[in-house]
Amino acid sequence: MDPPYPSKSWYNHNFSDSDYKRLHKLLKSISGKYLLNFYDSEYIRKILEIHHL
């Protein structure tokens, strides 16, 4: 998955906080593996509850 980077104007449609939270909920429900490409920032780590890479 490659969601939009936060606070970038490169996209026609950006994610809101609730979109990132919905993505987090979806990823937590997956029983298999996934690959997520994202902009590493404290903002994203907090929303996606990522504490280490």
PDB file of N, CA and C in Angstrom:
ATOM      1  N   MET A   1       0.843  -1.171   0.000  1.00  0.00           N
ATOM      2  CA  MET A   1       0.000   0.000   0.000  1.00  0.00           C
ATOM      3  C   MET A   1       0.890   1.236   0.000  1.00  0.00           C
ATOM      4  N   ASP A   2       0.412   2.255  -0.593  1.00  0.00           N
ATOM      5  CA  ASP A   2       1.168   3.500  -0.670  1.00  0.00           C
ATOM      6  C   ASP A   2       0.201   4.667  -0.464  1.00  0.00           C
ATOM      7  N   PRO A   3      -0.211   4.904   0.786  1.00  0.00           N
ATOM      8  CA  PRO A   3      -1.145   6.003   1.043  1.00  0.00           C
ATOM      9  C   PRO A   3      -0.471   7.355   0.827  1.00  0.00           C
ATOM     10  N   PRO A   4      -1.251   8.392   0.640  1.00  0.00           N
ATOM     11  CA  PRO A   4      -0.663   9.725   0.438  1.00  0.00           C
ATOM     12  C   PRO A   4       0.146  10.182   1.648  1.00  0.00           C
ATOM     13  N   TYR A   5       1.249  10.850   1.381  1.00  0.00           N
ATOM     14  CA  TYR A   5       2.040  11.430   2.472  1.00  0.00           C
ATOM     15  C   TYR A   5       1.234  12.578   3.088  1.00  0.00           C
ATOM     16  N   PRO A   6       1.281  12.709   4.400  1.00  0.00           N
ATOM     17  CA  PRO A   6       0.518  13.785   5.036  1.00  0.00           C
ATOM     18  C   PRO A   6       1.089  15.163   4.705  1.00  0.00           C
ATOM     19  N   SER A   7       0.213  16.110   4.597  1.00  0.00           N
ATOM     20  CA  SER A   7       0.579  17.531   4.414  1.00  0.00           C
ATOM     21  C   SER A   7       1.344  17.809   3.124  1.00  0.00           C
ATOM     22  N   LYS A   8       1.144  16.989   2.114  1.00  0.00           N
ATOM     23  CA  LYS A   8       1.777  17.244   0.819  1.00  0.00           C
ATOM     24  C   LYS A   8       0.703  17.640  -0.177  1.00  0.00           C
ATOM     25  N   SER A   9       1.028  18.555  -1.051  1.00  0.00           N
ATOM     26  CA  SER A   9       0.050  19.046  -2.030  1.00  0.00           C
ATOM     27  C   SER A   9       0.201  18.369  -3.387  1.00  0.00           C
ATOM     28  N   TRP A  10       0.841  17.199  -3.401  1.00  0.00           N
ATOM     29  CA  TRP A  10       1.091  16.502  -4.662  1.00  0.00           C
ATOM     30  C   TRP A  10      -0.124  15.749  -5.174  1.00  0.00           C
ATOM     31  N   TYR A  11      -1.131  15.595  -4.358  1.00  0.00           N
ATOM     32  CA  TYR A  11      -2.230  14.687  -4.666  1.00  0.00           C
ATOM     33  C   TYR A  11      -3.529  15.441  -4.942  1.00  0.00           C
ATOM     34  N   ASN A  12      -4.382  14.825  -5.732  1.00  0.00           N
ATOM     35  CA  ASN A  12      -5.728  15.364  -5.922  1.00  0.00           C
ATOM     36  C   ASN A  12      -6.582  15.103  -4.688  1.00  0.00           C
ATOM     37  N   HIS A  13      -6.304  13.995  -3.996  1.00  0.00           N
ATOM     38  CA  HIS A  13      -7.051  13.613  -2.796  1.00  0.00           C
ATOM     39  C   HIS A  13      -6.069  13.223  -1.701  1.00  0.00           C
ATOM     40  N   ASN A  14      -6.091  13.918  -0.600  1.00  0.00           N
ATOM     41  CA  ASN A  14      -5.236  13.608   0.536  1.00  0.00           C
ATOM     42  C   ASN A  14      -6.011  12.809   1.568  1.00  0.00           C
ATOM     43  N   PHE A  15      -5.303  12.191   2.492  1.00  0.00           N
ATOM     44  CA  PHE A  15      -5.924  11.477   3.603  1.00  0.00           C
ATOM     45  C   PHE A  15      -6.129  12.444   4.761  1.00  0.00           C
ATOM     46  N   SER A  16      -7.241  12.281   5.427  1.00  0.00           N
ATOM     47  CA  SER A  16      -7.478  13.013   6.675  1.00  0.00           C
ATOM     48  C   SER A  16      -7.009  12.132   7.825  1.00  0.00           C
ATOM     49  N   ASP A  17      -7.024  12.660   9.037  1.00  0.00           N
ATOM     50  CA  ASP A  17      -6.679  11.850  10.210  1.00  0.00           C
ATOM     51  C   ASP A  17      -7.561  10.613  10.278  1.00  0.00           C
ATOM     52  N   SER A  18      -8.841  10.783  10.002  1.00  0.00           N
ATOM     53  CA  SER A  18      -9.757   9.642  10.084  1.00  0.00           C
ATOM     54  C   SER A  18      -9.442   8.599   9.005  1.00  0.00           C
ATOM     55  N   ASP A  19      -8.962   9.025   7.838  1.00  0.00           N
ATOM     56  CA  ASP A  19      -8.568   8.072   6.794  1.00  0.00           C
ATOM     57  C   ASP A  19      -7.377   7.233   7.252  1.00  0.00           C
ATOM     58  N   TYR A  20      -6.378   7.879   7.868  1.00  0.00           N
ATOM     59  CA  TYR A  20      -5.225   7.135   8.377  1.00  0.00           C
ATOM     60  C   TYR A  20      -5.641   6.192   9.497  1.00  0.00           C
ATOM     61  N   LYS A  21      -6.573   6.619  10.332  1.00  0.00           N
ATOM     62  CA  LYS A  21      -7.060   5.761  11.420  1.00  0.00           C
ATOM     63  C   LYS A  21      -7.839   4.569  10.867  1.00  0.00           C
ATOM     64  N   ARG A  22      -8.618   4.787   9.814  1.00  0.00           N
ATOM     65  CA  ARG A  22      -9.330   3.671   9.166  1.00  0.00           C
ATOM     66  C   ARG A  22      -8.343   2.699   8.536  1.00  0.00           C
ATOM     67  N   LEU A  23      -7.281   3.222   7.935  1.00  0.00           N
ATOM     68  CA  LEU A  23      -6.239   2.373   7.369  1.00  0.00           C
ATOM     69  C   LEU A  23      -5.593   1.542   8.479  1.00  0.00           C
ATOM     70  N   HIS A  24      -5.302   2.173   9.595  1.00  0.00           N
ATOM     71  CA  HIS A  24      -4.706   1.465  10.731  1.00  0.00           C
ATOM     72  C   HIS A  24      -5.612   0.325  11.199  1.00  0.00           C
ATOM     73  N   LYS A  25      -6.890   0.597  11.308  1.00  0.00           N
ATOM     74  CA  LYS A  25      -7.843  -0.428  11.737  1.00  0.00           C
ATOM     75  C   LYS A  25      -7.860  -1.588  10.735  1.00  0.00           C
ATOM     76  N   LEU A  26      -7.849  -1.268   9.449  1.00  0.00           N
ATOM     77  CA  LEU A  26      -7.834  -2.296   8.412  1.00  0.00           C
ATOM     78  C   LEU A  26      -6.567  -3.141   8.506  1.00  0.00           C
ATOM     79  N   LEU A  27      -5.411  -2.495   8.643  1.00  0.00           N
ATOM     80  CA  LEU A  27      -4.149  -3.229   8.697  1.00  0.00           C
ATOM     81  C   LEU A  27      -4.086  -4.140   9.920  1.00  0.00           C
ATOM     82  N   LYS A  28      -4.639  -3.683  11.039  1.00  0.00           N
ATOM     83  CA  LYS A  28      -4.659  -4.519  12.246  1.00  0.00           C
ATOM     84  C   LYS A  28      -5.523  -5.758  12.056  1.00  0.00           C
ATOM     85  N   SER A  29      -6.495  -5.704  11.159  1.00  0.00           N
ATOM     86  CA  SER A  29      -7.410  -6.828  10.954  1.00  0.00           C
ATOM     87  C   SER A  29      -6.848  -7.880   9.999  1.00  0.00           C
ATOM     88  N   ILE A  30      -5.759  -7.559   9.315  1.00  0.00           N
ATOM     89  CA  ILE A  30      -5.178  -8.491   8.350  1.00  0.00           C
ATOM     90  C   ILE A  30      -4.405  -9.575   9.106  1.00  0.00           C
ATOM     91  N   SER A  31      -4.685 -10.830   8.769  1.00  0.00           N
ATOM     92  CA  SER A  31      -3.992 -11.926   9.444  1.00  0.00           C
ATOM     93  C   SER A  31      -2.683 -12.289   8.741  1.00  0.00           C
ATOM     94  N   GLY A  32      -2.485 -11.809   7.551  1.00  0.00           N
ATOM     95  CA  GLY A  32      -1.264 -12.081   6.796  1.00  0.00           C
ATOM     96  C   GLY A  32      -0.306 -10.912   6.851  1.00  0.00           C
ATOM     97  N   LYS A  33       0.601 -10.892   5.918  1.00  0.00           N
ATOM     98  CA  LYS A  33       1.600  -9.826   5.838  1.00  0.00           C
ATOM     99  C   LYS A  33       1.166  -8.779   4.825  1.00  0.00           C
ATOM    100  N   TYR A  34       1.711  -7.599   4.973  1.00  0.00           N
ATOM    101  CA  TYR A  34       1.463  -6.522   4.018  1.00  0.00           C
ATOM    102  C   TYR A  34       2.695  -5.635   3.956  1.00  0.00           C
ATOM    103  N   LEU A  35       2.795  -4.881   2.916  1.00  0.00           N
ATOM    104  CA  LEU A  35       3.879  -3.927   2.750  1.00  0.00           C
ATOM    105  C   LEU A  35       3.256  -2.545   2.715  1.00  0.00           C
ATOM    106  N   LEU A  36       3.756  -1.674   3.564  1.00  0.00           N
ATOM    107  CA  LEU A  36       3.227  -0.316   3.646  1.00  0.00           C
ATOM    108  C   LEU A  36       4.361   0.666   3.415  1.00  0.00           C
ATOM    109  N   ASN A  37       4.202   1.502   2.422  1.00  0.00           N
ATOM    110  CA  ASN A  37       5.143   2.574   2.135  1.00  0.00           C
ATOM    111  C   ASN A  37       4.547   3.850   2.712  1.00  0.00           C
ATOM    112  N   PHE A  38       5.301   4.544   3.556  1.00  0.00           N
ATOM    113  CA  PHE A  38       4.768   5.768   4.133  1.00  0.00           C
ATOM    114  C   PHE A  38       5.884   6.735   4.467  1.00  0.00           C
ATOM    115  N   TYR A  39       5.500   7.969   4.667  1.00  0.00           N
ATOM    116  CA  TYR A  39       6.414   9.024   5.062  1.00  0.00           C
ATOM    117  C   TYR A  39       6.667   8.884   6.556  1.00  0.00           C
ATOM    118  N   ASP A  40       7.903   8.640   6.939  1.00  0.00           N
ATOM    119  CA  ASP A  40       8.233   8.424   8.344  1.00  0.00           C
ATOM    120  C   ASP A  40       8.213   9.749   9.102  1.00  0.00           C
ATOM    121  N   SER A  41       7.198   9.915   9.916  1.00  0.00           N
ATOM    122  CA  SER A  41       7.074  11.118  10.729  1.00  0.00           C
ATOM    123  C   SER A  41       6.411  10.746  12.051  1.00  0.00           C
ATOM    124  N   GLU A  42       6.592  11.576  13.043  1.00  0.00           N
ATOM    125  CA  GLU A  42       5.957  11.329  14.341  1.00  0.00           C
ATOM    126  C   GLU A  42       4.439  11.295  14.196  1.00  0.00           C
ATOM    127  N   TYR A  43       3.922  12.134  13.326  1.00  0.00           N
ATOM    128  CA  TYR A  43       2.480  12.192  13.073  1.00  0.00           C
ATOM    129  C   TYR A  43       1.951  10.825  12.626  1.00  0.00           C
ATOM    130  N   ILE A  44       2.606  10.235  11.616  1.00  0.00           N
ATOM    131  CA  ILE A  44       2.174   8.939  11.095  1.00  0.00           C
ATOM    132  C   ILE A  44       2.414   7.842  12.114  1.00  0.00           C
ATOM    133  N   ARG A  45       3.563   7.860  12.775  1.00  0.00           N
ATOM    134  CA  ARG A  45       3.845   6.836  13.786  1.00  0.00           C
ATOM    135  C   ARG A  45       2.790   6.847  14.887  1.00  0.00           C
ATOM    136  N   LYS A  46       2.363   8.026  15.278  1.00  0.00           N
ATOM    137  CA  LYS A  46       1.356   8.126  16.333  1.00  0.00           C
ATOM    138  C   LYS A  46       0.005   7.576  15.859  1.00  0.00           C
ATOM    139  N   ILE A  47      -0.430   7.997  14.678  1.00  0.00           N
ATOM    140  CA  ILE A  47      -1.732   7.546  14.180  1.00  0.00           C
ATOM    141  C   ILE A  47      -1.745   6.053  13.902  1.00  0.00           C
ATOM    142  N   LEU A  48      -0.668   5.540  13.298  1.00  0.00           N
ATOM    143  CA  LEU A  48      -0.635   4.125  12.961  1.00  0.00           C
ATOM    144  C   LEU A  48      -0.098   3.259  14.106  1.00  0.00           C
ATOM    145  N   GLU A  49       0.210   3.903  15.233  1.00  0.00           N
ATOM    146  CA  GLU A  49       0.715   3.206  16.425  1.00  0.00           C
ATOM    147  C   GLU A  49       1.968   2.386  16.095  1.00  0.00           C
ATOM    148  N   ILE A  50       2.892   3.013  15.373  1.00  0.00           N
ATOM    149  CA  ILE A  50       4.158   2.376  15.022  1.00  0.00           C
ATOM    150  C   ILE A  50       5.209   2.872  16.008  1.00  0.00           C
ATOM    151  N   HIS A  51       5.775   1.949  16.742  1.00  0.00           N
ATOM    152  CA  HIS A  51       6.758   2.326  17.765  1.00  0.00           C
ATOM    153  C   HIS A  51       8.181   1.981  17.358  1.00  0.00           C
ATOM    154  N   HIS A  52       8.337   1.115  16.389  1.00  0.00           N
ATOM    155  CA  HIS A  52       9.658   0.748  15.880  1.00  0.00           C
ATOM    156  C   HIS A  52       9.524   0.269  14.435  1.00  0.00           C
ATOM    157  N   LEU A  53      10.621   0.330  13.717  1.00  0.00           N
ATOM    158  CA  LEU A  53      10.624  -0.171  12.334  1.00  0.00           C
ATOM    159  C   LEU A  53      11.595  -1.330  12.232  1.00  0.00           C
TER     160      LEU A  53
END
